[in-house]
């Protein structure tokens, strides 16, 4: 997954010029960097979901086939029961 990049040195310098201490500025920059590592981009999400979409399409096909087979089985059972009950 691709990440969003930012200039951590520039941000740290801006925070220091706004009155943050060096430790505070470094902590803020570190927290932002850690938060960005956990972000998911659209492209990364799409690539992660592609295999799942394929699997779901396969499952839908299999469920459809099972429905047809179940219909034939039920039809066969009904035909057998009708034959047995008619004698």
N, C-alpha and C. Protein backbone atom coordinates (compact mmCIF):
# COMPACT_ATOMS: atom_id res chain seq x y z
N UNK A 1 0.84 -1.18 0.00
CA UNK A 1 0.00 0.00 0.00
C UNK A 1 0.88 1.24 0.00
N UNK A 2 0.50 2.20 -0.76
CA UNK A 2 1.26 3.43 -0.79
C UNK A 2 0.87 4.30 0.39
N UNK A 3 1.81 5.10 0.81
CA UNK A 3 1.55 5.97 1.96
C UNK A 3 1.63 7.43 1.51
N UNK A 4 1.04 8.26 2.31
CA UNK A 4 1.09 9.69 2.06
C UNK A 4 2.33 10.21 2.77
N UNK A 5 3.14 10.98 2.05
CA UNK A 5 4.38 11.47 2.65
C UNK A 5 4.24 12.96 2.97
N UNK A 6 4.98 13.36 3.97
CA UNK A 6 5.04 14.78 4.30
C UNK A 6 6.45 15.09 4.77
N UNK A 7 6.81 16.34 4.71
CA UNK A 7 8.15 16.78 5.10
C UNK A 7 8.17 16.95 6.62
N UNK A 8 8.69 15.94 7.31
CA UNK A 8 8.68 15.96 8.77
C UNK A 8 9.58 17.06 9.32
N UNK A 9 10.70 17.34 8.64
CA UNK A 9 11.60 18.39 9.12
C UNK A 9 10.93 19.75 9.01
N UNK A 10 10.24 19.99 7.90
CA UNK A 10 9.55 21.27 7.71
C UNK A 10 8.46 21.44 8.77
N UNK A 11 7.71 20.37 9.03
CA UNK A 11 6.66 20.43 10.05
C UNK A 11 7.26 20.70 11.42
N UNK A 12 8.34 20.03 11.73
CA UNK A 12 9.01 20.23 13.02
C UNK A 12 9.47 21.68 13.16
N UNK A 13 10.06 22.22 12.09
CA UNK A 13 10.52 23.62 12.13
C UNK A 13 9.35 24.58 12.31
N UNK A 14 8.22 24.31 11.64
CA UNK A 14 7.05 25.18 11.78
C UNK A 14 6.50 25.12 13.21
N UNK A 15 6.49 23.93 13.78
CA UNK A 15 6.00 23.80 15.16
C UNK A 15 6.92 24.53 16.13
N UNK A 16 8.22 24.43 15.91
CA UNK A 16 9.18 25.14 16.78
C UNK A 16 9.01 26.65 16.66
N UNK A 17 8.79 27.12 15.42
CA UNK A 17 8.63 28.56 15.24
C UNK A 17 7.30 29.05 15.82
N UNK A 18 6.35 28.12 16.01
CA UNK A 18 5.06 28.48 16.60
C UNK A 18 5.10 28.40 18.12
N UNK A 19 6.25 28.02 18.69
CA UNK A 19 6.38 28.02 20.13
C UNK A 19 6.51 26.64 20.77
N UNK A 20 6.50 25.59 19.98
CA UNK A 20 6.69 24.24 20.53
C UNK A 20 8.17 24.05 20.88
N UNK A 21 8.42 23.26 21.89
CA UNK A 21 9.80 22.88 22.18
C UNK A 21 10.22 21.84 21.16
N UNK A 22 11.52 21.57 21.10
CA UNK A 22 12.02 20.57 20.15
C UNK A 22 11.41 19.20 20.44
N UNK A 23 11.30 18.83 21.73
CA UNK A 23 10.71 17.54 22.09
C UNK A 23 9.23 17.47 21.69
N UNK A 24 8.51 18.55 21.94
CA UNK A 24 7.09 18.58 21.57
C UNK A 24 6.91 18.45 20.06
N UNK A 25 7.72 19.19 19.32
CA UNK A 25 7.63 19.16 17.86
C UNK A 25 7.94 17.76 17.33
N UNK A 26 8.98 17.13 17.87
CA UNK A 26 9.35 15.78 17.43
C UNK A 26 8.25 14.78 17.78
N UNK A 27 7.62 14.96 18.93
CA UNK A 27 6.54 14.05 19.33
C UNK A 27 5.35 14.19 18.39
N UNK A 28 4.99 15.42 18.06
CA UNK A 28 3.87 15.64 17.14
C UNK A 28 4.17 15.02 15.78
N UNK A 29 5.36 15.24 15.28
CA UNK A 29 5.75 14.69 13.98
C UNK A 29 5.71 13.16 14.03
N UNK A 30 6.21 12.57 15.10
CA UNK A 30 6.23 11.11 15.23
C UNK A 30 4.80 10.55 15.28
N UNK A 31 3.91 11.22 16.02
CA UNK A 31 2.52 10.76 16.12
C UNK A 31 1.83 10.84 14.76
N UNK A 32 2.07 11.91 14.02
CA UNK A 32 1.47 12.04 12.69
C UNK A 32 2.01 10.95 11.76
N UNK A 33 3.30 10.69 11.82
CA UNK A 33 3.89 9.65 10.97
C UNK A 33 3.31 8.28 11.30
N UNK A 34 3.14 7.99 12.59
CA UNK A 34 2.56 6.70 13.00
C UNK A 34 1.10 6.59 12.54
N UNK A 35 0.36 7.68 12.64
CA UNK A 35 -1.04 7.67 12.20
C UNK A 35 -1.13 7.45 10.69
N UNK A 36 -0.22 8.05 9.94
CA UNK A 36 -0.24 7.88 8.49
C UNK A 36 0.11 6.46 8.09
N UNK A 37 0.95 5.79 8.87
CA UNK A 37 1.29 4.40 8.56
C UNK A 37 0.06 3.50 8.62
N UNK A 38 -0.92 3.88 9.41
CA UNK A 38 -2.13 3.07 9.56
C UNK A 38 -3.22 3.44 8.56
N UNK A 39 -3.01 4.50 7.78
CA UNK A 39 -4.01 4.91 6.79
C UNK A 39 -4.02 3.95 5.61
N UNK A 40 -5.17 3.77 5.03
CA UNK A 40 -5.32 2.94 3.85
C UNK A 40 -5.69 3.84 2.69
N UNK A 41 -4.96 3.72 1.61
CA UNK A 41 -5.30 4.52 0.43
C UNK A 41 -6.34 3.77 -0.40
N UNK A 42 -7.01 4.49 -1.27
CA UNK A 42 -8.02 3.86 -2.14
C UNK A 42 -7.40 2.76 -2.99
N UNK A 43 -6.23 3.03 -3.54
CA UNK A 43 -5.57 2.05 -4.40
C UNK A 43 -5.22 0.80 -3.59
N UNK A 44 -4.73 1.00 -2.39
CA UNK A 44 -4.39 -0.15 -1.54
C UNK A 44 -5.61 -0.94 -1.15
N UNK A 45 -6.69 -0.24 -0.88
CA UNK A 45 -7.94 -0.92 -0.51
C UNK A 45 -8.49 -1.70 -1.70
N UNK A 46 -8.45 -1.10 -2.88
CA UNK A 46 -8.93 -1.79 -4.08
C UNK A 46 -8.13 -3.06 -4.34
N UNK A 47 -6.81 -2.98 -4.19
CA UNK A 47 -6.00 -4.17 -4.45
C UNK A 47 -6.22 -5.24 -3.39
N UNK A 48 -6.56 -4.84 -2.18
CA UNK A 48 -6.84 -5.83 -1.13
C UNK A 48 -8.21 -6.47 -1.32
N UNK A 49 -9.15 -5.72 -1.87
CA UNK A 49 -10.51 -6.23 -2.05
C UNK A 49 -10.69 -7.05 -3.33
N UNK A 50 -9.81 -6.89 -4.30
CA UNK A 50 -9.95 -7.59 -5.58
C UNK A 50 -10.05 -9.11 -5.41
N UNK A 51 -9.17 -9.75 -4.63
CA UNK A 51 -9.30 -11.20 -4.46
C UNK A 51 -10.61 -11.59 -3.77
N UNK A 52 -11.07 -10.77 -2.86
CA UNK A 52 -12.33 -11.07 -2.18
C UNK A 52 -13.51 -10.99 -3.14
N UNK A 53 -13.48 -10.03 -4.03
CA UNK A 53 -14.55 -9.91 -5.02
C UNK A 53 -14.56 -11.13 -5.94
N UNK A 54 -13.39 -11.60 -6.32
CA UNK A 54 -13.30 -12.80 -7.15
C UNK A 54 -13.86 -14.01 -6.42
N UNK A 55 -13.48 -14.15 -5.15
CA UNK A 55 -13.98 -15.27 -4.35
C UNK A 55 -15.49 -15.22 -4.21
N UNK A 56 -16.04 -14.02 -4.03
CA UNK A 56 -17.49 -13.88 -3.89
C UNK A 56 -18.20 -14.27 -5.18
N UNK A 57 -17.63 -13.92 -6.32
CA UNK A 57 -18.24 -14.28 -7.60
C UNK A 57 -18.27 -15.80 -7.76
N UNK A 58 -17.19 -16.46 -7.36
CA UNK A 58 -17.13 -17.93 -7.43
C UNK A 58 -18.18 -18.53 -6.50
N UNK A 59 -18.30 -17.99 -5.30
CA UNK A 59 -19.28 -18.51 -4.35
C UNK A 59 -20.71 -18.32 -4.86
N UNK A 60 -20.99 -17.18 -5.48
CA UNK A 60 -22.33 -16.96 -6.03
C UNK A 60 -22.66 -18.00 -7.09
N UNK A 61 -21.68 -18.32 -7.93
CA UNK A 61 -21.89 -19.33 -8.96
C UNK A 61 -22.17 -20.69 -8.33
N UNK A 62 -21.40 -21.03 -7.30
CA UNK A 62 -21.59 -22.32 -6.64
C UNK A 62 -22.95 -22.40 -5.94
N UNK A 63 -23.37 -21.32 -5.31
CA UNK A 63 -24.68 -21.30 -4.66
C UNK A 63 -25.79 -21.47 -5.69
N UNK A 64 -25.63 -20.83 -6.83
CA UNK A 64 -26.62 -20.96 -7.90
C UNK A 64 -26.71 -22.41 -8.38
N UNK A 65 -25.57 -23.05 -8.53
CA UNK A 65 -25.56 -24.46 -8.94
C UNK A 65 -26.22 -25.35 -7.89
N UNK A 66 -25.96 -25.07 -6.63
CA UNK A 66 -26.57 -25.86 -5.54
C UNK A 66 -28.08 -25.68 -5.55
N UNK A 67 -28.56 -24.48 -5.81
CA UNK A 67 -30.01 -24.25 -5.89
C UNK A 67 -30.64 -25.12 -6.97
N UNK A 68 -30.01 -25.16 -8.14
CA UNK A 68 -30.54 -25.99 -9.24
C UNK A 68 -30.53 -27.46 -8.86
N UNK A 69 -29.43 -27.93 -8.28
CA UNK A 69 -29.35 -29.34 -7.90
C UNK A 69 -30.39 -29.68 -6.84
N UNK A 70 -30.57 -28.79 -5.89
CA UNK A 70 -31.56 -29.02 -4.84
C UNK A 70 -32.97 -29.08 -5.43
N UNK A 71 -33.24 -28.23 -6.40
CA UNK A 71 -34.53 -28.26 -7.08
C UNK A 71 -34.78 -29.60 -7.76
N UNK A 72 -33.75 -30.13 -8.43
CA UNK A 72 -33.90 -31.43 -9.08
C UNK A 72 -34.09 -32.55 -8.06
N UNK A 73 -33.35 -32.49 -6.96
CA UNK A 73 -33.49 -33.52 -5.91
C UNK A 73 -34.89 -33.49 -5.32
N UNK A 74 -35.37 -32.30 -5.00
CA UNK A 74 -36.72 -32.18 -4.43
C UNK A 74 -37.76 -32.68 -5.44
N UNK A 75 -37.58 -32.33 -6.70
CA UNK A 75 -38.49 -32.82 -7.74
C UNK A 75 -38.47 -34.33 -7.83
N UNK A 76 -37.29 -34.92 -7.73
CA UNK A 76 -37.17 -36.38 -7.77
C UNK A 76 -37.85 -37.03 -6.58
N UNK A 77 -37.65 -36.46 -5.40
CA UNK A 77 -38.28 -37.01 -4.19
C UNK A 77 -39.80 -36.92 -4.30
N UNK A 78 -40.30 -35.80 -4.79
CA UNK A 78 -41.75 -35.65 -4.96
C UNK A 78 -42.27 -36.68 -5.96
N UNK A 79 -41.54 -36.90 -7.05
CA UNK A 79 -41.97 -37.89 -8.04
C UNK A 79 -41.99 -39.29 -7.44
N UNK A 80 -40.98 -39.62 -6.65
CA UNK A 80 -40.93 -40.94 -6.00
C UNK A 80 -42.08 -41.09 -5.01
N UNK A 81 -42.31 -40.06 -4.20
CA UNK A 81 -43.41 -40.12 -3.23
C UNK A 81 -44.75 -40.23 -3.93
N UNK A 82 -44.94 -39.50 -5.00
CA UNK A 82 -46.20 -39.57 -5.75
C UNK A 82 -46.39 -40.97 -6.32
N UNK A 83 -45.33 -41.55 -6.81
CA UNK A 83 -45.41 -42.91 -7.37
C UNK A 83 -45.75 -43.92 -6.28
N UNK A 84 -45.09 -43.77 -5.10
CA UNK A 84 -45.34 -44.71 -3.99
C UNK A 84 -46.75 -44.56 -3.43
N UNK A 85 -47.22 -43.33 -3.34
CA UNK A 85 -48.53 -43.09 -2.75
C UNK A 85 -49.67 -43.44 -3.71
N UNK A 86 -49.38 -43.48 -5.00
CA UNK A 86 -50.44 -43.79 -5.97
C UNK A 86 -50.70 -45.29 -6.08
N UNK A 87 -49.83 -46.11 -5.56
CA UNK A 87 -50.05 -47.57 -5.65
C UNK A 87 -50.79 -48.13 -4.50
